[in-house]
C-alpha atoms as a PDB file:
ATOM      1  CA  MET A   1     -43.838 -14.582 -17.311  1.00  0.00           C
ATOM      2  CA  GLU A   2     -40.887 -16.552 -15.514  1.00  0.00           C
ATOM      3  CA  GLY A   3     -38.249 -18.607 -17.283  1.00  0.00           C
ATOM      4  CA  PRO A   4     -37.317 -22.194 -16.901  1.00  0.00           C
ATOM      5  CA  LEU A   5     -36.407 -23.817 -13.946  1.00  0.00           C
ATOM      6  CA  ARG A   6     -32.819 -23.295 -12.930  1.00  0.00           C
ATOM      7  CA  TRP A   7     -30.863 -24.811 -10.055  1.00  0.00           C
ATOM      8  CA  VAL A   8     -27.912 -22.809  -8.337  1.00  0.00           C
ATOM      9  CA  SER A   9     -25.254 -24.410  -5.697  1.00  0.00           C
ATOM     10  CA  MET A  10     -24.282 -22.165  -3.191  1.00  0.00           C
ATOM     11  CA  LYS A  11     -20.504 -22.218  -2.380  1.00  0.00           C
ATOM     12  CA  ARG A  12     -20.379 -20.120   1.267  1.00  0.00           C
ATOM     13  CA  SER A  13     -22.477 -18.349   3.508  1.00  0.00           C
ATOM     14  CA  GLY A  14     -21.822 -16.153   6.255  1.00  0.00           C
ATOM     15  CA  LEU A  15     -23.153 -17.392   9.793  1.00  0.00           C
ATOM     16  CA  LYS A  16     -25.621 -14.881   9.788  1.00  0.00           C
ATOM     17  CA  ALA A  17     -27.365 -16.027   6.210  1.00  0.00           C
ATOM     18  CA  LYS A  18     -27.007 -19.253   7.397  1.00  0.00           C
ATOM     19  CA  ASN A  19     -29.022 -18.883  10.510  1.00  0.00           C
ATOM     20  CA  LEU A  20     -31.708 -17.019   8.321  1.00  0.00           C
ATOM     21  CA  LEU A  21     -31.794 -19.575   6.019  1.00  0.00           C
ATOM     22  CA  ALA A  22     -32.768 -22.337   8.495  1.00  0.00           C
ATOM     23  CA  THR A  23     -35.594 -20.626  10.014  1.00  0.00           C
ATOM     24  CA  PRO A  24     -38.736 -22.285   9.891  1.00  0.00           C
ATOM     25  CA  GLY A  25     -40.542 -20.618   7.316  1.00  0.00           C
ATOM     26  CA  PHE A  26     -38.204 -18.001   6.162  1.00  0.00           C
ATOM     27  CA  SER A  27     -39.335 -16.135   3.278  1.00  0.00           C
ATOM     28  CA  GLY A  28     -39.852 -12.696   1.915  1.00  0.00           C
ATOM     29  CA  GLN A  29     -39.138 -10.632  -1.265  1.00  0.00           C
ATOM     30  CA  VAL A  30     -36.638  -9.738  -3.450  1.00  0.00           C
ATOM     31  CA  LEU A  31     -35.353  -6.073  -2.430  1.00  0.00           C
ATOM     32  CA  ALA A  32     -33.067  -5.050  -5.098  1.00  0.00           C
ATOM     33  CA  VAL A  33     -31.396  -6.893  -7.922  1.00  0.00           C
ATOM     34  CA  LEU A  34     -27.678  -5.401  -9.136  1.00  0.00           C
ATOM     35  CA  PRO A  35     -25.066  -6.890 -11.722  1.00  0.00           C
ATOM     36  CA  ASP A  36     -23.398  -8.752  -8.877  1.00  0.00           C
ATOM     37  CA  VAL A  37     -25.580  -8.899  -5.709  1.00  0.00           C
ATOM     38  CA  THR A  38     -29.441  -9.599  -5.399  1.00  0.00           C
ATOM     39  CA  TYR A  39     -30.780  -8.527  -1.931  1.00  0.00           C
ATOM     40  CA  LEU A  40     -33.521 -10.499  -0.164  1.00  0.00           C
ATOM     41  CA  LEU A  41     -35.802  -8.850   2.611  1.00  0.00           C
ATOM     42  CA  GLY A  42     -37.068 -11.197   4.743  1.00  0.00           C
ATOM     43  CA  ASN A  43     -40.762 -10.968   6.058  1.00  0.00           C
ATOM     44  CA  ASN A  44     -39.090 -10.537   9.909  1.00  0.00           C
ATOM     45  CA  GLY A  45     -37.689  -7.501   8.277  1.00  0.00           C
ATOM     46  CA  GLU A  46     -33.475  -9.233   8.229  1.00  0.00           C
ATOM     47  CA  ILE A  47     -31.878  -8.569   5.215  1.00  0.00           C
ATOM     48  CA  LEU A  48     -29.415 -11.227   3.577  1.00  0.00           C
ATOM     49  CA  TRP A  49     -27.900 -11.324  -0.020  1.00  0.00           C
ATOM     50  CA  LEU A  50     -26.519 -13.376  -2.742  1.00  0.00           C
ATOM     51  CA  LEU A  51     -23.563 -12.518  -4.013  1.00  0.00           C
ATOM     52  CA  ARG A  52     -21.355 -13.545  -7.124  1.00  0.00           C
ATOM     53  CA  ASP A  53     -18.341 -15.893  -6.564  1.00  0.00           C
ATOM     54  CA  GLY A  54     -15.078 -13.723  -5.900  1.00  0.00           C
ATOM     55  CA  LEU A  55     -16.438 -10.419  -4.213  1.00  0.00           C
ATOM     56  CA  PRO A  56     -16.193  -9.685  -0.317  1.00  0.00           C
ATOM     57  CA  LEU A  57     -18.029 -12.351   1.611  1.00  0.00           C
ATOM     58  CA  HIS A  58     -20.071 -10.599   4.701  1.00  0.00           C
ATOM     59  CA  ARG A  59     -21.748 -12.667   7.643  1.00  0.00           C
ATOM     60  CA  ARG A  60     -25.077 -11.823   5.418  1.00  0.00           C
ATOM     61  CA  SER A  61     -23.895 -12.999   2.339  1.00  0.00           C
ATOM     62  CA  ILE A  62     -23.985 -16.488   0.380  1.00  0.00           C
ATOM     63  CA  GLU A  63     -21.772 -16.864  -2.520  1.00  0.00           C
ATOM     64  CA  ILE A  64     -22.933 -18.542  -5.806  1.00  0.00           C
ATOM     65  CA  SER A  65     -21.031 -19.371  -8.615  1.00  0.00           C
ATOM     66  CA  PHE A  66     -23.166 -17.014 -11.046  1.00  0.00           C
ATOM     67  CA  LEU A  67     -26.499 -14.833 -10.116  1.00  0.00           C
ATOM     68  CA  PRO A  68     -28.437 -15.994 -12.912  1.00  0.00           C
ATOM     69  CA  PRO A  69     -30.478 -12.978 -14.908  1.00  0.00           C
ATOM     70  CA  SER A  70     -34.245 -13.955 -14.281  1.00  0.00           C
ATOM     71  CA  SER A  71     -34.484 -12.341 -10.454  1.00  0.00           C
ATOM     72  CA  CYS A  72     -36.471  -9.052 -10.500  1.00  0.00           C
ATOM     73  CA  ARG A  73     -37.642  -6.827  -7.154  1.00  0.00           C
ATOM     74  CA  GLY A  74     -40.473  -7.944  -5.746  1.00  0.00           C
ATOM     75  CA  GLN A  75     -40.252 -11.575  -6.282  1.00  0.00           C
ATOM     76  CA  ASP A  76     -41.419 -13.792  -3.632  1.00  0.00           C
ATOM     77  CA  PHE A  77     -38.710 -16.323  -2.178  1.00  0.00           C
ATOM     78  CA  PHE A  78     -39.187 -18.945   0.650  1.00  0.00           C
ATOM     79  CA  VAL A  79     -36.976 -21.763   1.884  1.00  0.00           C
ATOM     80  CA  GLU A  80     -38.191 -25.357   2.072  1.00  0.00           C
ATOM     81  CA  ASP A  81     -36.232 -28.219   2.258  1.00  0.00           C
ATOM     82  CA  HIS A  82     -32.875 -26.864   2.200  1.00  0.00           C
ATOM     83  CA  PHE A  83     -33.680 -25.126  -0.810  1.00  0.00           C
ATOM     84  CA  LEU A  84     -33.868 -21.257  -1.773  1.00  0.00           C
ATOM     85  CA  LYS A  85     -36.713 -20.377  -3.907  1.00  0.00           C
ATOM     86  CA  ILE A  86     -37.240 -17.169  -5.865  1.00  0.00           C
ATOM     87  CA  GLY A  87     -40.130 -16.857  -7.881  1.00  0.00           C
ATOM     88  CA  ARG A  88     -40.967 -19.761  -9.995  1.00  0.00           C
ATOM     89  CA  GLY A  89     -38.018 -20.307 -11.901  1.00  0.00           C
ATOM     90  CA  LEU A  90     -35.008 -20.436  -9.535  1.00  0.00           C
ATOM     91  CA  THR A  91     -33.736 -22.711  -6.922  1.00  0.00           C
ATOM     92  CA  TYR A  92     -30.531 -22.476  -4.687  1.00  0.00           C
ATOM     93  CA  ASP A  93     -29.529 -25.290  -3.302  1.00  0.00           C
ATOM     94  CA  LEU A  94     -28.450 -24.551   0.227  1.00  0.00           C
ATOM     95  CA  ARG A  95     -26.742 -28.050   1.197  1.00  0.00           C
ATOM     96  CA  SER A  96     -23.825 -27.396  -0.655  1.00  0.00           C
ATOM     97  CA  ALA A  97     -22.569 -24.513   1.395  1.00  0.00           C
ATOM     98  CA  THR A  98     -20.102 -24.159   3.839  1.00  0.00           C
ATOM     99  CA  GLU A  99     -19.943 -21.490   6.718  1.00  0.00           C
ATOM    100  CA  TRP A 100     -17.349 -18.551   6.091  1.00  0.00           C
ATOM    101  CA  LYS A 101     -15.739 -17.186   9.160  1.00  0.00           C
ATOM    102  CA  PRO A 102     -13.951 -13.781   8.886  1.00  0.00           C
ATOM    103  CA  LEU A 103      -9.926 -13.712   9.961  1.00  0.00           C
ATOM    104  CA  PRO A 104     -10.268 -13.909  13.872  1.00  0.00           C
ATOM    105  CA  LEU A 105      -8.378 -11.555  16.040  1.00  0.00           C
ATOM    106  CA  ASN A 106      -5.906 -12.703  18.674  1.00  0.00           C
ATOM    107  CA  LEU A 107      -6.237 -10.311  21.727  1.00  0.00           C
ATOM    108  CA  GLU A 108      -3.325 -11.575  23.285  1.00  0.00           C
ATOM    109  CA  GLU A 109      -1.086 -10.582  19.925  1.00  0.00           C
ATOM    110  CA  ARG A 110      -2.205  -7.271  19.931  1.00  0.00           C
ATOM    111  CA  GLY A 111       0.665  -4.340  20.377  1.00  0.00           C
ATOM    112  CA  PRO A 112       1.073  -0.775  22.072  1.00  0.00           C
ATOM    113  CA  LEU A 113      -2.014   1.196  20.819  1.00  0.00           C
ATOM    114  CA  GLN A 114       0.367   4.187  19.753  1.00  0.00           C
ATOM    115  CA  LYS A 115       2.662   1.753  17.469  1.00  0.00           C
ATOM    116  CA  LYS A 116      -0.472   0.659  15.671  1.00  0.00           C
ATOM    117  CA  GLN A 117      -2.033   3.609  14.993  1.00  0.00           C
ATOM    118  CA  ALA A 118       1.513   4.581  14.093  1.00  0.00           C
ATOM    119  CA  SER A 119       1.024   1.496  11.191  1.00  0.00           C
ATOM    120  CA  VAL A 120      -2.358   3.260  10.440  1.00  0.00           C
ATOM    121  CA  ARG A 121      -0.977   6.717   9.297  1.00  0.00           C
ATOM    122  CA  GLN A 122       1.700   4.830   7.302  1.00  0.00           C
ATOM    123  CA  LEU A 123      -0.874   2.610   5.271  1.00  0.00           C
ATOM    124  CA  LEU A 124      -3.177   5.673   4.916  1.00  0.00           C
ATOM    125  CA  GLU A 125      -0.408   7.752   3.266  1.00  0.00           C
ATOM    126  CA  VAL A 126       0.751   4.562   0.999  1.00  0.00           C
ATOM    127  CA  ILE A 127      -2.745   4.299   0.150  1.00  0.00           C
ATOM    128  CA  SER A 128      -2.828   8.356  -0.458  1.00  0.00           C
ATOM    129  CA  PHE A 129       0.424   8.134  -2.227  1.00  0.00           C
ATOM    130  CA  SER A 130      -0.714   5.640  -4.600  1.00  0.00           C
ATOM    131  CA  GLY A 131      -4.408   6.710  -5.353  1.00  0.00           C
ATOM    132  CA  SER A 132      -5.380   8.667  -8.327  1.00  0.00           C
ATOM    133  CA  HIS A 133      -6.754  11.293  -6.191  1.00  0.00           C
ATOM    134  CA  ASN A 134     -10.279  11.111  -8.179  1.00  0.00           C
ATOM    135  CA  ASN A 135     -13.393   9.320  -7.324  1.00  0.00           C
ATOM    136  CA  PRO A 136     -13.700   6.977  -5.870  1.00  0.00           C
ATOM    137  CA  ASP A 137     -10.221   7.646  -3.405  1.00  0.00           C
ATOM    138  CA  GLU A 138     -10.291  11.086  -3.523  1.00  0.00           C
ATOM    139  CA  LEU A 139     -11.799  10.946   0.476  1.00  0.00           C
ATOM    140  CA  ILE A 140      -8.816   8.825   1.923  1.00  0.00           C
ATOM    141  CA  PHE A 141      -6.238  11.418   0.003  1.00  0.00           C
ATOM    142  CA  MET A 142      -8.227  14.458   1.938  1.00  0.00           C
ATOM    143  CA  ILE A 143      -8.541  12.481   5.001  1.00  0.00           C
ATOM    144  CA  SER A 144      -4.474  11.973   4.985  1.00  0.00           C
ATOM    145  CA  LEU A 145      -4.331  15.861   4.492  1.00  0.00           C
ATOM    146  CA  LEU A 146      -6.594  16.272   7.492  1.00  0.00           C
ATOM    147  CA  VAL A 147      -4.620  13.891   9.326  1.00  0.00           C
ATOM    148  CA  LYS A 148      -1.219  15.412   8.787  1.00  0.00           C
ATOM    149  CA  GLY A 149      -2.678  19.123   9.154  1.00  0.00           C
ATOM    150  CA  GLN A 150      -2.230  19.944   5.889  1.00  0.00           C
ATOM    151  CA  PRO A 151      -5.252  22.586   4.249  1.00  0.00           C
ATOM    152  CA  PHE A 152      -7.223  20.605   1.474  1.00  0.00           C
ATOM    153  CA  ALA A 153     -10.053  23.355   0.586  1.00  0.00           C
ATOM    154  CA  ILE A 154      -7.886  23.808  -2.464  1.00  0.00           C
ATOM    155  CA  TYR A 155      -8.300  20.656  -3.773  1.00  0.00           C
ATOM    156  CA  PRO A 156     -10.700  20.677  -6.700  1.00  0.00           C
ATOM    157  CA  LEU A 157     -13.966  19.166  -6.120  1.00  0.00           C
ATOM    158  CA  GLU A 158     -16.950  18.939  -7.894  1.00  0.00           C
ATOM    159  CA  LEU A 159     -20.324  20.348  -6.618  1.00  0.00           C
ATOM    160  CA  MET A 160     -21.774  17.150  -5.575  1.00  0.00           C
ATOM    161  CA  SER A 161     -18.242  15.810  -4.242  1.00  0.00           C
ATOM    162  CA  ASN A 162     -18.119  19.231  -1.952  1.00  0.00           C
ATOM    163  CA  LYS A 163     -21.989  18.799  -1.064  1.00  0.00           C
ATOM    164  CA  ILE A 164     -20.927  14.903   0.371  1.00  0.00           C
ATOM    165  CA  TYR A 165     -17.411  15.499   1.373  1.00  0.00           C
ATOM    166  CA  THR A 166     -17.493  18.878   3.568  1.00  0.00           C
ATOM    167  CA  PRO A 167     -19.618  17.323   6.553  1.00  0.00           C
ATOM    168  CA  ILE A 168     -17.723  14.041   6.397  1.00  0.00           C
ATOM    169  CA  LEU A 169     -14.622  15.880   6.628  1.00  0.00           C
ATOM    170  CA  ASN A 170     -15.946  18.344   9.225  1.00  0.00           C
ATOM    171  CA  LEU A 171     -16.859  14.961  11.507  1.00  0.00           C
ATOM    172  CA  ALA A 172     -13.692  13.837  10.840  1.00  0.00           C
ATOM    173  CA  LYS A 173     -12.280  16.930  12.156  1.00  0.00           C
ATOM    174  CA  LEU A 174     -14.429  16.633  15.078  1.00  0.00           C
ATOM    175  CA  TYR A 175     -13.307  12.767  15.591  1.00  0.00           C
ATOM    176  CA  LEU A 176      -9.787  13.473  15.462  1.00  0.00           C
ATOM    177  CA  GLY A 177      -9.677  16.476  17.956  1.00  0.00           C
ATOM    178  CA  GLN A 178     -12.050  15.263  20.553  1.00  0.00           C
ATOM    179  CA  GLY A 179     -13.233  11.536  20.584  1.00  0.00           C
ATOM    180  CA  MET A 180     -16.259  10.097  20.588  1.00  0.00           C
ATOM    181  CA  ALA A 181     -17.919  12.095  23.135  1.00  0.00           C
ATOM    182  CA  ASN A 182     -18.793  14.904  20.939  1.00  0.00           C
ATOM    183  CA  VAL A 183     -19.335  12.868  17.585  1.00  0.00           C
ATOM    184  CA  LEU A 184     -22.361  11.111  17.603  1.00  0.00           C
ATOM    185  CA  ILE A 185     -24.902  13.854  17.850  1.00  0.00           C
ATOM    186  CA  SER A 186     -22.737  15.226  14.606  1.00  0.00           C
ATOM    187  CA  ALA A 187     -22.814  11.953  12.766  1.00  0.00           C
ATOM    188  CA  ARG A 188     -26.783  12.358  12.442  1.00  0.00           C
ATOM    189  CA  GLY A 189     -25.833  14.406   9.596  1.00  0.00           C
ATOM    190  CA  LEU A 190     -24.110  11.858   7.687  1.00  0.00           C
ATOM    191  CA  VAL A 191     -26.969   9.042   7.636  1.00  0.00           C
ATOM    192  CA  GLY A 192     -28.645   9.067   4.352  1.00  0.00           C
ATOM    193  CA  LEU A 193     -26.265  11.508   2.739  1.00  0.00           C
ATOM    194  CA  GLY A 194     -25.571  10.976  -0.746  1.00  0.00           C
ATOM    195  CA  PRO A 195     -26.871   8.979  -3.648  1.00  0.00           C
ATOM    196  CA  GLY A 196     -27.418   5.346  -3.940  1.00  0.00           C
ATOM    197  CA  LEU A 197     -28.280   2.199  -1.926  1.00  0.00           C
ATOM    198  CA  THR A 198     -25.478   2.830   0.419  1.00  0.00           C
ATOM    199  CA  PRO A 199     -24.931   6.989   0.534  1.00  0.00           C
ATOM    200  CA  ALA A 200     -21.345   7.782   1.083  1.00  0.00           C
ATOM    201  CA  GLY A 201     -22.551   9.172   4.758  1.00  0.00           C
ATOM    202  CA  ASP A 202     -23.437   5.452   6.088  1.00  0.00           C
ATOM    203  CA  ASP A 203     -20.252   3.921   4.490  1.00  0.00           C
ATOM    204  CA  PHE A 204     -18.079   6.236   6.023  1.00  0.00           C
ATOM    205  CA  LEU A 205     -19.607   6.550   9.680  1.00  0.00           C
ATOM    206  CA  GLY A 206     -19.893   2.993   9.454  1.00  0.00           C
ATOM    207  CA  GLY A 207     -16.236   2.439   8.820  1.00  0.00           C
ATOM    208  CA  ILE A 208     -15.781   4.774  11.867  1.00  0.00           C
ATOM    209  CA  LEU A 209     -18.165   2.823  13.979  1.00  0.00           C
ATOM    210  CA  PHE A 210     -16.316  -0.483  13.109  1.00  0.00           C
ATOM    211  CA  ALA A 211     -12.820   0.744  14.088  1.00  0.00           C
ATOM    212  CA  SER A 212     -13.937   2.321  16.769  1.00  0.00           C
ATOM    213  CA  HIS A 213     -15.875  -1.178  18.045  1.00  0.00           C
ATOM    214  CA  TRP A 214     -12.511  -3.049  17.843  1.00  0.00           C
ATOM    215  CA  LEU A 215     -10.329  -0.423  19.396  1.00  0.00           C
ATOM    216  CA  LYS A 216     -12.609  -0.346  22.112  1.00  0.00           C
ATOM    217  CA  LYS A 217     -12.454  -4.180  22.203  1.00  0.00           C
ATOM    218  CA  VAL A 218      -9.173  -4.531  21.807  1.00  0.00           C
ATOM    219  CA  TYR A 219      -7.930  -1.675  24.321  1.00  0.00           C
ATOM    220  CA  PRO A 220     -10.549  -1.723  26.749  1.00  0.00           C
ATOM    221  CA  GLU A 221      -8.187   0.137  29.343  1.00  0.00           C
ATOM    222  CA  GLU A 222      -8.006   3.286  26.642  1.00  0.00           C
ATOM    223  CA  PHE A 223     -11.603   3.346  25.700  1.00  0.00           C
ATOM    224  CA  SER A 224     -14.039   3.537  28.202  1.00  0.00           C
ATOM    225  CA  TRP A 225     -17.378   5.294  26.426  1.00  0.00           C
ATOM    226  CA  ASP A 226     -20.737   4.001  27.284  1.00  0.00           C
ATOM    227  CA  GLU A 227     -22.086   2.628  24.321  1.00  0.00           C
ATOM    228  CA  GLN A 228     -25.777   3.333  24.461  1.00  0.00           C
ATOM    229  CA  PRO A 229     -25.530   6.670  22.333  1.00  0.00           C
ATOM    230  CA  ILE A 230     -23.880   4.360  19.438  1.00  0.00           C
ATOM    231  CA  CYS A 231     -27.222   2.334  19.934  1.00  0.00           C
ATOM    232  CA  ASP A 232     -29.245   5.549  19.769  1.00  0.00           C
ATOM    233  CA  LEU A 233     -27.639   6.788  16.782  1.00  0.00           C
ATOM    234  CA  ILE A 234     -28.330   3.554  14.854  1.00  0.00           C
ATOM    235  CA  GLU A 235     -31.736   3.243  16.009  1.00  0.00           C
ATOM    236  CA  TRP A 236     -32.595   7.075  15.084  1.00  0.00           C
ATOM    237  CA  ALA A 237     -31.080   5.967  11.527  1.00  0.00           C
ATOM    238  CA  LYS A 238     -33.229   3.099  11.119  1.00  0.00           C
ATOM    239  CA  ASP A 239     -35.830   5.327   9.103  1.00  0.00           C
ATOM    240  CA  ARG A 240     -33.656   7.614   7.661  1.00  0.00           C
ATOM    241  CA  THR A 241     -31.869   5.940   4.743  1.00  0.00           C
ATOM    242  CA  HIS A 242     -32.380   2.843   2.908  1.00  0.00           C
ATOM    243  CA  PRO A 243     -33.186  -0.496   4.548  1.00  0.00           C
ATOM    244  CA  ILE A 244     -30.019  -2.283   2.853  1.00  0.00           C
ATOM    245  CA  SER A 245     -27.471   0.666   4.044  1.00  0.00           C
ATOM    246  CA  PHE A 246     -29.237   0.812   7.057  1.00  0.00           C
ATOM    247  CA  THR A 247     -28.364  -3.028   7.972  1.00  0.00           C
ATOM    248  CA  ILE A 248     -24.731  -2.656   6.661  1.00  0.00           C
ATOM    249  CA  LEU A 249     -24.521   0.289   9.129  1.00  0.00           C
ATOM    250  CA  LYS A 250     -25.802  -1.313  11.961  1.00  0.00           C
ATOM    251  CA  ASP A 251     -23.415  -4.468  11.386  1.00  0.00           C
ATOM    252  CA  LEU A 252     -20.551  -1.914  11.182  1.00  0.00           C
ATOM    253  CA  ALA A 253     -21.486  -0.512  14.361  1.00  0.00           C
ATOM    254  CA  LEU A 254     -21.645  -3.882  16.153  1.00  0.00           C
ATOM    255  CA  GLY A 255     -18.243  -4.917  14.501  1.00  0.00           C
ATOM    256  CA  HIS A 256     -19.542  -6.862  11.410  1.00  0.00           C
ATOM    257  CA  GLY A 257     -18.229  -6.244   8.173  1.00  0.00           C
ATOM    258  CA  PRO A 258     -16.945  -7.362   4.477  1.00  0.00           C
ATOM    259  CA  GLU A 259     -14.101 -10.035   4.603  1.00  0.00           C
ATOM    260  CA  PRO A 260     -11.170  -7.509   3.859  1.00  0.00           C
ATOM    261  CA  LEU A 261     -12.008  -5.047   6.539  1.00  0.00           C
ATOM    262  CA  HIS A 262     -11.969  -7.774   8.866  1.00  0.00           C
ATOM    263  CA  GLU A 263      -8.759  -8.848   7.580  1.00  0.00           C
ATOM    264  CA  LEU A 264      -7.273  -5.537   7.621  1.00  0.00           C
ATOM    265  CA  VAL A 265      -7.929  -5.024  11.762  1.00  0.00           C
ATOM    266  CA  VAL A 266      -6.286  -7.969  11.945  1.00  0.00           C
ATOM    267  CA  ARG A 267      -3.408  -6.824   9.954  1.00  0.00           C
ATOM    268  CA  LEU A 268      -2.936  -3.400  11.422  1.00  0.00           C
ATOM    269  CA  LEU A 269      -3.456  -4.397  15.164  1.00  0.00           C
ATOM    270  CA  GLN A 270      -1.308  -7.764  15.076  1.00  0.00           C
ATOM    271  CA  GLU A 271       1.224  -7.126  12.357  1.00  0.00           C
ATOM    272  CA  GLU A 272       4.440  -4.627  12.062  1.00  0.00           C
ATOM    273  CA  ASP A 273       4.191  -4.095   8.528  1.00  0.00           C
ATOM    274  CA  PRO A 274       1.109  -1.762   7.788  1.00  0.00           C
ATOM    275  CA  VAL A 275       1.977  -2.170   3.627  1.00  0.00           C
ATOM    276  CA  ARG A 276       0.663  -5.838   3.945  1.00  0.00           C
ATOM    277  CA  GLY A 277      -2.629  -4.216   4.534  1.00  0.00           C
ATOM    278  CA  MET A 278      -2.590  -2.635   1.063  1.00  0.00           C
ATOM    279  CA  ASN A 279      -4.291  -5.867  -0.692  1.00  0.00           C
ATOM    280  CA  CYS A 280      -6.996  -5.745   1.852  1.00  0.00           C
ATOM    281  CA  ALA A 281      -7.415  -2.109   1.210  1.00  0.00           C
ATOM    282  CA  ASP A 282      -7.657  -2.720  -2.985  1.00  0.00           C
ATOM    283  CA  SER A 283     -10.441  -5.674  -1.784  1.00  0.00           C
ATOM    284  CA  LEU A 284     -12.437  -3.480   0.266  1.00  0.00           C
ATOM    285  CA  GLY A 285     -12.412  -0.705  -2.970  1.00  0.00           C
ATOM    286  CA  ARG A 286     -13.462  -3.099  -4.975  1.00  0.00           C
ATOM    287  CA  LEU A 287     -16.932  -3.324  -3.080  1.00  0.00           C
ATOM    288  CA  GLY A 288     -19.588  -1.402  -4.876  1.00  0.00           C
ATOM    289  CA  HIS A 289     -18.633   1.703  -7.068  1.00  0.00           C
ATOM    290  CA  THR A 290     -17.467   3.953  -3.867  1.00  0.00           C
ATOM    291  CA  THR A 291     -18.670   1.896  -0.671  1.00  0.00           C
ATOM    292  CA  GLY A 292     -15.525   0.028   0.142  1.00  0.00           C
ATOM    293  CA  TRP A 293     -13.529   3.655  -0.535  1.00  0.00           C
ATOM    294  CA  HIS A 294     -15.869   5.459   1.583  1.00  0.00           C
ATOM    295  CA  ILE A 295     -16.072   2.544   4.407  1.00  0.00           C
ATOM    296  CA  LEU A 296     -12.286   2.410   4.252  1.00  0.00           C
ATOM    297  CA  ALA A 297     -12.152   6.106   4.695  1.00  0.00           C
ATOM    298  CA  GLY A 298     -13.920   5.753   7.577  1.00  0.00           C
ATOM    299  CA  PHE A 299     -12.159   2.883   9.252  1.00  0.00           C
ATOM    300  CA  LEU A 300      -8.553   4.716   8.822  1.00  0.00           C
ATOM    301  CA  THR A 301     -10.054   7.917  10.184  1.00  0.00           C
ATOM    302  CA  GLY A 302     -11.590   5.706  13.292  1.00  0.00           C
ATOM    303  CA  MET A 303      -8.746   3.674  13.901  1.00  0.00           C
ATOM    304  CA  LEU A 304      -6.741   6.979  14.784  1.00  0.00           C
ATOM    305  CA  LEU A 305      -9.154   7.642  17.946  1.00  0.00           C
ATOM    306  CA  LEU A 306      -7.546   9.363  20.626  1.00  0.00           C
ATOM    307  CA  PRO A 307      -7.464   7.432  24.174  1.00  0.00           C
ATOM    308  CA  ASP A 308     -10.088   8.726  26.699  1.00  0.00           C
ATOM    309  CA  LYS A 309      -9.047  11.088  29.243  1.00  0.00           C
ATOM    310  CA  PRO A 310     -11.411  12.262  31.973  1.00  0.00           C
ATOM    311  CA  ASN A 311     -13.206  15.115  30.527  1.00  0.00           C
ATOM    312  CA  ARG A 312     -14.408  13.008  27.584  1.00  0.00           C
ATOM    313  CA  PHE A 313     -15.970  10.110  29.648  1.00  0.00           C
ATOM    314  CA  TRP A 314     -19.031   9.113  28.918  1.00  0.00           C
ATOM    315  CA  SER A 315     -20.472   8.073  32.540  1.00  0.00           C
END
């Protein structure tokens, strides 16, 4: 039996969430309820989420001051007259929500690619040096060793971490050595790899695809691969991982991610001091138990993509 009627005001909303909530007749069910996030699945297949104040925003998220404990998986929801109603006892007021937008990237202020990738390496080193080298940041430590050409096989890992991180590191090595051309078929092995609503393989792959999207956008003369194989990969992944993870992965491939990831792109591609990106990295690391760290590991790997050469072009 549901509790008494409760009203909650919304604070900020990403553009995708705003548009979904403005769709006439938008309705669906609660897909998952976590301590700080409630995921909603619309009848049109689109996912958005309610997010506790203080956590990283996303184009699909709606920020609220608190999450009432009355929501549960499988409850119906619908939008009516500027109100989001979940079950029979919970109503969110949409009228007070302002639109959140990620920090814009000014393409005119970009620096030389080689210099910016040096900044990425420096930030990777700083994060690796300051980390505990235990879950959830151990993957970043191993990526830093891989980038420097140092062995990481002697680093002690638990059995589960070995099963997850070995294929991730193999893909990272392929990506760093051969670029995009030979990666995306191998990348299918990461889809759905690991436990949870957003498996580690999806998070890492999403970070790589997010970085490659922005590298191509900012440096089109350096990167000219055909994007169709990426679209094919995302379509292939649709039924091979959790719907929440698939939605996040697809958005990352299109250049849409959590707030600190967008800010980190701007810091690295427009500013000179990569250490200023540490705050963004710390904020991203607070996303989920390991999700943010794994996305960050993929993103930093992705930012070190080699410029295209004729034998790596996709025609």
